[in-house]
Amino acid sequence: MQADLPAAGGGRLIDRYAAIAEASHRMLAAARRGDWHEVACIEDQCRELIGQLKAALTVESLGPADQRERMRLLRAILADDAEIRACAEPWLGRIAHLISSLPAQRAAER
């Protein structure tokens, strides 16, 4: 199930930050469900949104109120990212354990 993210093509600069924050929140929801395929799909879409944001930053700037909103959105994105990583840690731990057990397993097979 691939989620469609809002297009950030023609909106204000702050709307682009909001679209990235929404993507981040959707990735968190997918991570909480353990849907890592969906996390990866949204992550790809998020990369595209970030590329659009970078292009827009060269021609547009934020006023004081939008700067405050930008900081709020960035904090939310960082909080989502931290929780996504926390959700992934058990999965990464299992992979690390499997990888570390390969040499011992090969030695036992000899």
PDB file of N, CA and C in Angstrom:
ATOM      1  N   MET A   1       0.845  -1.168   0.000  1.00  0.00           N
ATOM      2  CA  MET A   1       0.000   0.000   0.000  1.00  0.00           C
ATOM      3  C   MET A   1       0.893   1.235   0.000  1.00  0.00           C
ATOM      4  N   GLN A   2       0.902   1.978  -1.097  1.00  0.00           N
ATOM      5  CA  GLN A   2       1.732   3.162  -1.192  1.00  0.00           C
ATOM      6  C   GLN A   2       0.881   4.391  -0.984  1.00  0.00           C
ATOM      7  N   ALA A   3       1.313   5.243  -0.063  1.00  0.00           N
ATOM      8  CA  ALA A   3       0.560   6.449   0.250  1.00  0.00           C
ATOM      9  C   ALA A   3       0.933   7.558  -0.707  1.00  0.00           C
ATOM     10  N   ASP A   4      -0.041   8.344  -1.114  1.00  0.00           N
ATOM     11  CA  ASP A   4       0.213   9.513  -1.926  1.00  0.00           C
ATOM     12  C   ASP A   4       0.461  10.683  -1.007  1.00  0.00           C
ATOM     13  N   LEU A   5       1.536  11.403  -1.282  1.00  0.00           N
ATOM     14  CA  LEU A   5       1.865  12.568  -0.495  1.00  0.00           C
ATOM     15  C   LEU A   5       1.373  13.803  -1.214  1.00  0.00           C
ATOM     16  N   PRO A   6       1.090  14.850  -0.473  1.00  0.00           N
ATOM     17  CA  PRO A   6       0.629  16.070  -1.110  1.00  0.00           C
ATOM     18  C   PRO A   6       1.708  16.650  -2.002  1.00  0.00           C
ATOM     19  N   ALA A   7       1.299  17.169  -3.128  1.00  0.00           N
ATOM     20  CA  ALA A   7       2.243  17.823  -4.025  1.00  0.00           C
ATOM     21  C   ALA A   7       2.649  19.146  -3.411  1.00  0.00           C
ATOM     22  N   ALA A   8       3.931  19.443  -3.504  1.00  0.00           N
ATOM     23  CA  ALA A   8       4.420  20.701  -2.952  1.00  0.00           C
ATOM     24  C   ALA A   8       4.857  21.636  -4.071  1.00  0.00           C
ATOM     25  N   GLY A   9       4.409  21.367  -5.278  1.00  0.00           N
ATOM     26  CA  GLY A   9       4.907  22.088  -6.435  1.00  0.00           C
ATOM     27  C   GLY A   9       4.586  23.559  -6.489  1.00  0.00           C
ATOM     28  N   GLY A  10       3.360  23.985  -6.219  1.00  0.00           N
ATOM     29  CA  GLY A  10       3.020  25.367  -6.460  1.00  0.00           C
ATOM     30  C   GLY A  10       2.720  26.172  -5.225  1.00  0.00           C
ATOM     31  N   GLY A  11       2.912  25.612  -4.048  1.00  0.00           N
ATOM     32  CA  GLY A  11       2.534  26.300  -2.823  1.00  0.00           C
ATOM     33  C   GLY A  11       3.609  27.230  -2.309  1.00  0.00           C
ATOM     34  N   ARG A  12       3.299  27.876  -1.215  1.00  0.00           N
ATOM     35  CA  ARG A  12       4.270  28.724  -0.526  1.00  0.00           C
ATOM     36  C   ARG A  12       5.382  27.859   0.040  1.00  0.00           C
ATOM     37  N   LEU A  13       6.479  28.479   0.340  1.00  0.00           N
ATOM     38  CA  LEU A  13       7.637  27.764   0.869  1.00  0.00           C
ATOM     39  C   LEU A  13       7.284  27.014   2.148  1.00  0.00           C
ATOM     40  N   ILE A  14       6.540  27.637   3.045  1.00  0.00           N
ATOM     41  CA  ILE A  14       6.177  26.978   4.303  1.00  0.00           C
ATOM     42  C   ILE A  14       5.311  25.752   4.041  1.00  0.00           C
ATOM     43  N   ASP A  15       4.529  25.778   2.951  1.00  0.00           N
ATOM     44  CA  ASP A  15       3.716  24.615   2.596  1.00  0.00           C
ATOM     45  C   ASP A  15       4.584  23.430   2.221  1.00  0.00           C
ATOM     46  N   ARG A  16       5.751  23.708   1.679  1.00  0.00           N
ATOM     47  CA  ARG A  16       6.685  22.628   1.334  1.00  0.00           C
ATOM     48  C   ARG A  16       7.227  21.973   2.610  1.00  0.00           C
ATOM     49  N   TYR A  17       7.550  22.790   3.602  1.00  0.00           N
ATOM     50  CA  TYR A  17       7.970  22.238   4.896  1.00  0.00           C
ATOM     51  C   TYR A  17       6.837  21.412   5.510  1.00  0.00           C
ATOM     52  N   ALA A  18       5.611  21.907   5.401  1.00  0.00           N
ATOM     53  CA  ALA A  18       4.459  21.188   5.958  1.00  0.00           C
ATOM     54  C   ALA A  18       4.265  19.849   5.251  1.00  0.00           C
ATOM     55  N   ALA A  19       4.489  19.804   3.940  1.00  0.00           N
ATOM     56  CA  ALA A  19       4.351  18.548   3.197  1.00  0.00           C
ATOM     57  C   ALA A  19       5.392  17.527   3.656  1.00  0.00           C
ATOM     58  N   ILE A  20       6.602  18.003   3.912  1.00  0.00           N
ATOM     59  CA  ILE A  20       7.657  17.103   4.410  1.00  0.00           C
ATOM     60  C   ILE A  20       7.307  16.612   5.806  1.00  0.00           C
ATOM     61  N   ALA A  21       6.790  17.499   6.642  1.00  0.00           N
ATOM     62  CA  ALA A  21       6.387  17.097   8.000  1.00  0.00           C
ATOM     63  C   ALA A  21       5.260  16.065   7.943  1.00  0.00           C
ATOM     64  N   GLU A  22       4.325  16.246   7.028  1.00  0.00           N
ATOM     65  CA  GLU A  22       3.243  15.268   6.881  1.00  0.00           C
ATOM     66  C   GLU A  22       3.805  13.925   6.433  1.00  0.00           C
ATOM     67  N   ALA A  23       4.740  13.948   5.500  1.00  0.00           N
ATOM     68  CA  ALA A  23       5.375  12.706   5.046  1.00  0.00           C
ATOM     69  C   ALA A  23       6.078  12.020   6.207  1.00  0.00           C
ATOM     70  N   SER A  24       6.778  12.805   7.007  1.00  0.00           N
ATOM     71  CA  SER A  24       7.471  12.263   8.171  1.00  0.00           C
ATOM     72  C   SER A  24       6.486  11.585   9.126  1.00  0.00           C
ATOM     73  N   HIS A  25       5.364  12.233   9.349  1.00  0.00           N
ATOM     74  CA  HIS A  25       4.363  11.662  10.252  1.00  0.00           C
ATOM     75  C   HIS A  25       3.774  10.371   9.666  1.00  0.00           C
ATOM     76  N   ARG A  26       3.599  10.341   8.368  1.00  0.00           N
ATOM     77  CA  ARG A  26       3.082   9.121   7.733  1.00  0.00           C
ATOM     78  C   ARG A  26       4.103   7.995   7.788  1.00  0.00           C
ATOM     79  N   MET A  27       5.389   8.341   7.662  1.00  0.00           N
ATOM     80  CA  MET A  27       6.430   7.315   7.817  1.00  0.00           C
ATOM     81  C   MET A  27       6.403   6.749   9.229  1.00  0.00           C
ATOM     82  N   LEU A  28       6.216   7.619  10.217  1.00  0.00           N
ATOM     83  CA  LEU A  28       6.129   7.161  11.599  1.00  0.00           C
ATOM     84  C   LEU A  28       4.952   6.210  11.784  1.00  0.00           C
ATOM     85  N   ALA A  29       3.809   6.555  11.227  1.00  0.00           N
ATOM     86  CA  ALA A  29       2.633   5.684  11.346  1.00  0.00           C
ATOM     87  C   ALA A  29       2.923   4.317  10.722  1.00  0.00           C
ATOM     88  N   ALA A  30       3.589   4.306   9.572  1.00  0.00           N
ATOM     89  CA  ALA A  30       3.936   3.041   8.921  1.00  0.00           C
ATOM     90  C   ALA A  30       4.942   2.263   9.761  1.00  0.00           C
ATOM     91  N   ALA A  31       5.907   2.956  10.354  1.00  0.00           N
ATOM     92  CA  ALA A  31       6.900   2.284  11.206  1.00  0.00           C
ATOM     93  C   ALA A  31       6.239   1.670  12.429  1.00  0.00           C
ATOM     94  N   ARG A  32       5.298   2.387  13.007  1.00  0.00           N
ATOM     95  CA  ARG A  32       4.582   1.842  14.166  1.00  0.00           C
ATOM     96  C   ARG A  32       3.821   0.577  13.805  1.00  0.00           C
ATOM     97  N   ARG A  33       3.344   0.491  12.560  1.00  0.00           N
ATOM     98  CA  ARG A  33       2.642  -0.723  12.089  1.00  0.00           C
ATOM     99  C   ARG A  33       3.619  -1.815  11.683  1.00  0.00           C
ATOM    100  N   GLY A  34       4.902  -1.463  11.594  1.00  0.00           N
ATOM    101  CA  GLY A  34       5.898  -2.427  11.134  1.00  0.00           C
ATOM    102  C   GLY A  34       5.891  -2.586   9.632  1.00  0.00           C
ATOM    103  N   ASP A  35       5.343  -1.630   8.917  1.00  0.00           N
ATOM    104  CA  ASP A  35       5.255  -1.680   7.455  1.00  0.00           C
ATOM    105  C   ASP A  35       6.476  -0.980   6.862  1.00  0.00           C
ATOM    106  N   TRP A  36       7.603  -1.679   6.848  1.00  0.00           N
ATOM    107  CA  TRP A  36       8.865  -1.084   6.424  1.00  0.00           C
ATOM    108  C   TRP A  36       8.898  -0.820   4.941  1.00  0.00           C
ATOM    109  N   HIS A  37       8.158  -1.574   4.158  1.00  0.00           N
ATOM    110  CA  HIS A  37       8.051  -1.289   2.721  1.00  0.00           C
ATOM    111  C   HIS A  37       7.407   0.081   2.524  1.00  0.00           C
ATOM    112  N   GLU A  38       6.354   0.355   3.259  1.00  0.00           N
ATOM    113  CA  GLU A  38       5.668   1.643   3.164  1.00  0.00           C
ATOM    114  C   GLU A  38       6.579   2.769   3.649  1.00  0.00           C
ATOM    115  N   VAL A  39       7.336   2.521   4.703  1.00  0.00           N
ATOM    116  CA  VAL A  39       8.285   3.524   5.181  1.00  0.00           C
ATOM    117  C   VAL A  39       9.252   3.889   4.053  1.00  0.00           C
ATOM    118  N   ALA A  40       9.780   2.879   3.374  1.00  0.00           N
ATOM    119  CA  ALA A  40      10.735   3.128   2.289  1.00  0.00           C
ATOM    120  C   ALA A  40      10.086   3.891   1.134  1.00  0.00           C
ATOM    121  N   CYS A  41       8.848   3.554   0.806  1.00  0.00           N
ATOM    122  CA  CYS A  41       8.145   4.259  -0.275  1.00  0.00           C
ATOM    123  C   CYS A  41       7.946   5.730   0.073  1.00  0.00           C
ATOM    124  N   ILE A  42       7.512   5.994   1.291  1.00  0.00           N
ATOM    125  CA  ILE A  42       7.293   7.385   1.706  1.00  0.00           C
ATOM    126  C   ILE A  42       8.627   8.115   1.794  1.00  0.00           C
ATOM    127  N   GLU A  43       9.666   7.412   2.218  1.00  0.00           N
ATOM    128  CA  GLU A  43      10.991   8.028   2.289  1.00  0.00           C
ATOM    129  C   GLU A  43      11.448   8.493   0.907  1.00  0.00           C
ATOM    130  N   ASP A  44      11.199   7.682  -0.114  1.00  0.00           N
ATOM    131  CA  ASP A  44      11.527   8.077  -1.490  1.00  0.00           C
ATOM    132  C   ASP A  44      10.755   9.329  -1.897  1.00  0.00           C
ATOM    133  N   GLN A  45       9.472   9.353  -1.562  1.00  0.00           N
ATOM    134  CA  GLN A  45       8.657  10.516  -1.891  1.00  0.00           C
ATOM    135  C   GLN A  45       9.133  11.741  -1.113  1.00  0.00           C
ATOM    136  N   CYS A  46       9.553  11.534   0.109  1.00  0.00           N
ATOM    137  CA  CYS A  46      10.050  12.626   0.943  1.00  0.00           C
ATOM    138  C   CYS A  46      11.315  13.224   0.338  1.00  0.00           C
ATOM    139  N   ARG A  47      12.181  12.388  -0.205  1.00  0.00           N
ATOM    140  CA  ARG A  47      13.387  12.875  -0.871  1.00  0.00           C
ATOM    141  C   ARG A  47      13.021  13.820  -2.022  1.00  0.00           C
ATOM    142  N   GLU A  48      11.988  13.460  -2.753  1.00  0.00           N
ATOM    143  CA  GLU A  48      11.534  14.311  -3.851  1.00  0.00           C
ATOM    144  C   GLU A  48      11.019  15.655  -3.322  1.00  0.00           C
ATOM    145  N   LEU A  49      10.249  15.601  -2.239  1.00  0.00           N
ATOM    146  CA  LEU A  49       9.749  16.841  -1.632  1.00  0.00           C
ATOM    147  C   LEU A  49      10.900  17.722  -1.150  1.00  0.00           C
ATOM    148  N   ILE A  50      11.926  17.111  -0.591  1.00  0.00           N
ATOM    149  CA  ILE A  50      13.092  17.860  -0.115  1.00  0.00           C
ATOM    150  C   ILE A  50      13.816  18.504  -1.300  1.00  0.00           C
ATOM    151  N   GLY A  51      13.906  17.783  -2.408  1.00  0.00           N
ATOM    152  CA  GLY A  51      14.509  18.357  -3.613  1.00  0.00           C
ATOM    153  C   GLY A  51      13.733  19.572  -4.096  1.00  0.00           C
ATOM    154  N   GLN A  52      12.406  19.477  -4.051  1.00  0.00           N
ATOM    155  CA  GLN A  52      11.565  20.613  -4.445  1.00  0.00           C
ATOM    156  C   GLN A  52      11.776  21.779  -3.484  1.00  0.00           C
ATOM    157  N   LEU A  53      11.890  21.491  -2.209  1.00  0.00           N
ATOM    158  CA  LEU A  53      12.126  22.537  -1.210  1.00  0.00           C
ATOM    159  C   LEU A  53      13.453  23.234  -1.473  1.00  0.00           C
ATOM    160  N   LYS A  54      14.507  22.454  -1.710  1.00  0.00           N
ATOM    161  CA  LYS A  54      15.822  23.046  -1.966  1.00  0.00           C
ATOM    162  C   LYS A  54      15.774  23.982  -3.171  1.00  0.00           C
ATOM    163  N   ALA A  55      15.068  23.582  -4.214  1.00  0.00           N
ATOM    164  CA  ALA A  55      14.951  24.441  -5.399  1.00  0.00           C
ATOM    165  C   ALA A  55      14.195  25.719  -5.064  1.00  0.00           C
ATOM    166  N   ALA A  56      13.146  25.603  -4.269  1.00  0.00           N
ATOM    167  CA  ALA A  56      12.334  26.769  -3.910  1.00  0.00           C
ATOM    168  C   ALA A  56      13.099  27.722  -3.004  1.00  0.00           C
ATOM    169  N   LEU A  57      14.013  27.195  -2.197  1.00  0.00           N
ATOM    170  CA  LEU A  57      14.785  28.044  -1.276  1.00  0.00           C
ATOM    171  C   LEU A  57      15.652  29.056  -2.013  1.00  0.00           C
ATOM    172  N   THR A  58      15.980  28.773  -3.262  1.00  0.00           N
ATOM    173  CA  THR A  58      16.836  29.693  -4.021  1.00  0.00           C
ATOM    174  C   THR A  58      16.070  30.908  -4.523  1.00  0.00           C
ATOM    175  N   VAL A  59      14.737  30.844  -4.527  1.00  0.00           N
ATOM    176  CA  VAL A  59      13.945  31.958  -5.080  1.00  0.00           C
ATOM    177  C   VAL A  59      12.945  32.547  -4.097  1.00  0.00           C
ATOM    178  N   GLU A  60      12.812  31.955  -2.929  1.00  0.00           N
ATOM    179  CA  GLU A  60      11.806  32.402  -1.971  1.00  0.00           C
ATOM    180  C   GLU A  60      12.396  32.376  -0.569  1.00  0.00           C
ATOM    181  N   SER A  61      11.908  33.255   0.288  1.00  0.00           N
ATOM    182  CA  SER A  61      12.347  33.252   1.683  1.00  0.00           C
ATOM    183  C   SER A  61      11.124  33.305   2.593  1.00  0.00           C
ATOM    184  N   LEU A  62      11.371  33.082   3.877  1.00  0.00           N
ATOM    185  CA  LEU A  62      10.291  33.046   4.860  1.00  0.00           C
ATOM    186  C   LEU A  62      10.289  34.319   5.702  1.00  0.00           C
ATOM    187  N   GLY A  63       9.096  34.778   6.011  1.00  0.00           N
ATOM    188  CA  GLY A  63       8.950  35.891   6.943  1.00  0.00           C
ATOM    189  C   GLY A  63       9.055  35.393   8.376  1.00  0.00           C
ATOM    190  N   PRO A  64       9.011  36.292   9.346  1.00  0.00           N
ATOM    191  CA  PRO A  64       9.180  35.900  10.755  1.00  0.00           C
ATOM    192  C   PRO A  64       8.157  34.862  11.240  1.00  0.00           C
ATOM    193  N   ALA A  65       6.897  35.027  10.893  1.00  0.00           N
ATOM    194  CA  ALA A  65       5.878  34.067  11.346  1.00  0.00           C
ATOM    195  C   ALA A  65       6.118  32.698  10.719  1.00  0.00           C
ATOM    196  N   ASP A  66       6.469  32.682   9.426  1.00  0.00           N
ATOM    197  CA  ASP A  66       6.754  31.413   8.761  1.00  0.00           C
ATOM    198  C   ASP A  66       8.043  30.786   9.280  1.00  0.00           C
ATOM    199  N   GLN A  67       9.001  31.608   9.696  1.00  0.00           N
ATOM    200  CA  GLN A  67      10.230  31.067  10.296  1.00  0.00           C
ATOM    201  C   GLN A  67       9.903  30.308  11.584  1.00  0.00           C
ATOM    202  N   ARG A  68       9.007  30.875  12.387  1.00  0.00           N
ATOM    203  CA  ARG A  68       8.596  30.191  13.628  1.00  0.00           C
ATOM    204  C   ARG A  68       7.883  28.878  13.303  1.00  0.00           C
ATOM    205  N   GLU A  69       7.010  28.908  12.295  1.00  0.00           N
ATOM    206  CA  GLU A  69       6.306  27.690  11.877  1.00  0.00           C
ATOM    207  C   GLU A  69       7.297  26.669  11.328  1.00  0.00           C
ATOM    208  N   ARG A  70       8.286  27.137  10.580  1.00  0.00           N
ATOM    209  CA  ARG A  70       9.322  26.253  10.048  1.00  0.00           C
ATOM    210  C   ARG A  70      10.031  25.530  11.191  1.00  0.00           C
ATOM    211  N   MET A  71      10.385  26.257  12.244  1.00  0.00           N
ATOM    212  CA  MET A  71      11.066  25.646  13.382  1.00  0.00           C
ATOM    213  C   MET A  71      10.165  24.613  14.062  1.00  0.00           C
ATOM    214  N   ARG A  72       8.875  24.915  14.190  1.00  0.00           N
ATOM    215  CA  ARG A  72       7.938  23.959  14.791  1.00  0.00           C
ATOM    216  C   ARG A  72       7.884  22.694  13.937  1.00  0.00           C
ATOM    217  N   LEU A  73       7.799  22.860  12.611  1.00  0.00           N
ATOM    218  CA  LEU A  73       7.733  21.711  11.703  1.00  0.00           C
ATOM    219  C   LEU A  73       9.023  20.896  11.753  1.00  0.00           C
ATOM    220  N   LEU A  74      10.171  21.570  11.781  1.00  0.00           N
ATOM    221  CA  LEU A  74      11.448  20.852  11.850  1.00  0.00           C
ATOM    222  C   LEU A  74      11.576  20.058  13.147  1.00  0.00           C
ATOM    223  N   ARG A  75      11.114  20.626  14.242  1.00  0.00           N
ATOM    224  CA  ARG A  75      11.140  19.887  15.514  1.00  0.00           C
ATOM    225  C   ARG A  75      10.249  18.645  15.439  1.00  0.00           C
ATOM    226  N   ALA A  76       9.082  18.788  14.812  1.00  0.00           N
ATOM    227  CA  ALA A  76       8.174  17.643  14.665  1.00  0.00           C
ATOM    228  C   ALA A  76       8.810  16.569  13.781  1.00  0.00           C
ATOM    229  N   ILE A  77       9.470  16.989  12.706  1.00  0.00           N
ATOM    230  CA  ILE A  77      10.141  16.037  11.813  1.00  0.00           C
ATOM    231  C   ILE A  77      11.234  15.292  12.569  1.00  0.00           C
ATOM    232  N   LEU A  78      12.034  16.019  13.356  1.00  0.00           N
ATOM    233  CA  LEU A  78      13.101  15.375  14.134  1.00  0.00           C
ATOM    234  C   LEU A  78      12.541  14.409  15.174  1.00  0.00           C
ATOM    235  N   ALA A  79      11.432  14.778  15.801  1.00  0.00           N
ATOM    236  CA  ALA A  79      10.807  13.885  16.787  1.00  0.00           C
ATOM    237  C   ALA A  79      10.287  12.620  16.102  1.00  0.00           C
ATOM    238  N   ASP A  80       9.647  12.791  14.932  1.00  0.00           N
ATOM    239  CA  ASP A  80       9.175  11.625  14.177  1.00  0.00           C
ATOM    240  C   ASP A  80      10.348  10.733  13.795  1.00  0.00           C
ATOM    241  N   ASP A  81      11.436  11.351  13.325  1.00  0.00           N
ATOM    242  CA  ASP A  81      12.608  10.589  12.910  1.00  0.00           C
ATOM    243  C   ASP A  81      13.173   9.774  14.069  1.00  0.00           C
ATOM    244  N   ALA A  82      13.247  10.391  15.233  1.00  0.00           N
ATOM    245  CA  ALA A  82      13.765   9.677  16.409  1.00  0.00           C
ATOM    246  C   ALA A  82      12.884   8.478  16.745  1.00  0.00           C
ATOM    247  N   GLU A  83      11.573   8.655  16.652  1.00  0.00           N
ATOM    248  CA  GLU A  83      10.681   7.539  16.973  1.00  0.00           C
ATOM    249  C   GLU A  83      10.734   6.454  15.895  1.00  0.00           C
ATOM    250  N   ILE A  84      10.885   6.860  14.635  1.00  0.00           N
ATOM    251  CA  ILE A  84      11.031   5.874  13.554  1.00  0.00           C
ATOM    252  C   ILE A  84      12.276   5.032  13.810  1.00  0.00           C
ATOM    253  N   ARG A  85      13.356   5.692  14.175  1.00  0.00           N
ATOM    254  CA  ARG A  85      14.597   4.958  14.480  1.00  0.00           C
ATOM    255  C   ARG A  85      14.407   4.017  15.663  1.00  0.00           C
ATOM    256  N   ALA A  86      13.671   4.452  16.665  1.00  0.00           N
ATOM    257  CA  ALA A  86      13.399   3.594  17.822  1.00  0.00           C
ATOM    258  C   ALA A  86      12.579   2.373  17.407  1.00  0.00           C
ATOM    259  N   CYS A  87      11.634   2.578  16.506  1.00  0.00           N
ATOM    260  CA  CYS A  87      10.837   1.448  16.001  1.00  0.00           C
ATOM    261  C   CYS A  87      11.713   0.486  15.204  1.00  0.00           C
ATOM    262  N   ALA A  88      12.696   1.026  14.490  1.00  0.00           N
ATOM    263  CA  ALA A  88      13.549   0.206  13.630  1.00  0.00           C
ATOM    264  C   ALA A  88      14.622  -0.536  14.408  1.00  0.00           C
ATOM    265  N   GLU A  89      14.978  -0.044  15.588  1.00  0.00           N
ATOM    266  CA  GLU A  89      16.076  -0.654  16.331  1.00  0.00           C
ATOM    267  C   GLU A  89      15.899  -2.142  16.605  1.00  0.00           C
ATOM    268  N   PRO A  90      14.727  -2.600  17.044  1.00  0.00           N
ATOM    269  CA  PRO A  90      14.598  -4.049  17.257  1.00  0.00           C
ATOM    270  C   PRO A  90      14.842  -4.837  15.969  1.00  0.00           C
ATOM    271  N   TRP A  91      14.353  -4.308  14.868  1.00  0.00           N
ATOM    272  CA  TRP A  91      14.533  -4.959  13.576  1.00  0.00           C
ATOM    273  C   TRP A  91      16.015  -4.949  13.203  1.00  0.00           C
ATOM    274  N   LEU A  92      16.673  -3.812  13.382  1.00  0.00           N
ATOM    275  CA  LEU A  92      18.097  -3.718  13.078  1.00  0.00           C
ATOM    276  C   LEU A  92      18.904  -4.616  14.004  1.00  0.00           C
ATOM    277  N   GLY A  93      18.480  -4.730  15.262  1.00  0.00           N
ATOM    278  CA  GLY A  93      19.159  -5.604  16.208  1.00  0.00           C
ATOM    279  C   GLY A  93      19.098  -7.068  15.782  1.00  0.00           C
ATOM    280  N   ARG A  94      17.951  -7.480  15.267  1.00  0.00           N
ATOM    281  CA  ARG A  94      17.813  -8.858  14.783  1.00  0.00           C
ATOM    282  C   ARG A  94      18.727  -9.104  13.586  1.00  0.00           C
ATOM    283  N   ILE A  95      18.813  -8.129  12.690  1.00  0.00           N
ATOM    284  CA  ILE A  95      19.683  -8.275  11.523  1.00  0.00           C
ATOM    285  C   ILE A  95      21.143  -8.338  11.977  1.00  0.00           C
ATOM    286  N   ALA A  96      21.530  -7.469  12.892  1.00  0.00           N
ATOM    287  CA  ALA A  96      22.903  -7.474  13.401  1.00  0.00           C
ATOM    288  C   ALA A  96      23.233  -8.819  14.041  1.00  0.00           C
ATOM    289  N   HIS A  97      22.292  -9.377  14.794  1.00  0.00           N
ATOM    290  CA  HIS A  97      22.507 -10.674  15.431  1.00  0.00           C
ATOM    291  C   HIS A  97      22.685 -11.764  14.368  1.00  0.00           C
ATOM    292  N   LEU A  98      21.854 -11.729  13.347  1.00  0.00           N
ATOM    293  CA  LEU A  98      21.964 -12.722  12.276  1.00  0.00           C
ATOM    294  C   LEU A  98      23.305 -12.613  11.567  1.00  0.00           C
ATOM    295  N   ILE A  99      23.722 -11.398  11.287  1.00  0.00           N
ATOM    296  CA  ILE A  99      24.995 -11.189  10.597  1.00  0.00           C
ATOM    297  C   ILE A  99      26.155 -11.639  11.473  1.00  0.00           C
ATOM    298  N   SER A 100      26.111 -11.311  12.748  1.00  0.00           N
ATOM    299  CA  SER A 100      27.220 -11.685  13.630  1.00  0.00           C
ATOM    300  C   SER A 100      27.276 -13.184  13.867  1.00  0.00           C
ATOM    301  N   SER A 101      26.167 -13.873  13.716  1.00  0.00           N
ATOM    302  CA  SER A 101      26.171 -15.315  13.935  1.00  0.00           C
ATOM    303  C   SER A 101      26.605 -16.096  12.698  1.00  0.00           C
ATOM    304  N   LEU A 102      26.711 -15.436  11.553  1.00  0.00           N
ATOM    305  CA  LEU A 102      27.118 -16.131  10.336  1.00  0.00           C
ATOM    306  C   LEU A 102      28.499 -16.760  10.423  1.00  0.00           C
ATOM    307  N   PRO A 103      29.537 -16.063  10.904  1.00  0.00           N
ATOM    308  CA  PRO A 103      30.863 -16.705  10.988  1.00  0.00           C
ATOM    309  C   PRO A 103      30.843 -17.953  11.884  1.00  0.00           C
ATOM    310  N   ALA A 104      30.179 -17.901  13.004  1.00  0.00           N
ATOM    311  CA  ALA A 104      30.111 -19.071  13.900  1.00  0.00           C
ATOM    312  C   ALA A 104      29.336 -20.193  13.242  1.00  0.00           C
ATOM    313  N   GLN A 105      28.308 -19.831  12.520  1.00  0.00           N
ATOM    314  CA  GLN A 105      27.495 -20.849  11.841  1.00  0.00           C
ATOM    315  C   GLN A 105      28.318 -21.531  10.758  1.00  0.00           C
ATOM    316  N   ARG A 106      29.093 -20.741  10.010  1.00  0.00           N
ATOM    317  CA  ARG A 106      29.946 -21.327   8.950  1.00  0.00           C
ATOM    318  C   ARG A 106      31.023 -22.223   9.549  1.00  0.00           C
ATOM    319  N   ALA A 107      31.603 -21.811  10.675  1.00  0.00           N
ATOM    320  CA  ALA A 107      32.631 -22.615  11.334  1.00  0.00           C
ATOM    321  C   ALA A 107      32.043 -23.938  11.802  1.00  0.00           C
ATOM    322  N   ALA A 108      30.829 -23.927  12.283  1.00  0.00           N
ATOM    323  CA  ALA A 108      30.172 -25.139  12.772  1.00  0.00           C
ATOM    324  C   ALA A 108      29.844 -26.081  11.626  1.00  0.00           C
ATOM    325  N   GLU A 109      29.626 -25.527  10.452  1.00  0.00           N
ATOM    326  CA  GLU A 109      29.311 -26.356   9.295  1.00  0.00           C
ATOM    327  C   GLU A 109      30.533 -27.064   8.738  1.00  0.00           C
ATOM    328  N   ARG A 110      31.728 -26.573   9.072  1.00  0.00           N
ATOM    329  CA  ARG A 110      32.954 -27.176   8.529  1.00  0.00           C
ATOM    330  C   ARG A 110      33.338 -28.410   9.231  1.00  0.00           C
TER     331      ARG A 110
END
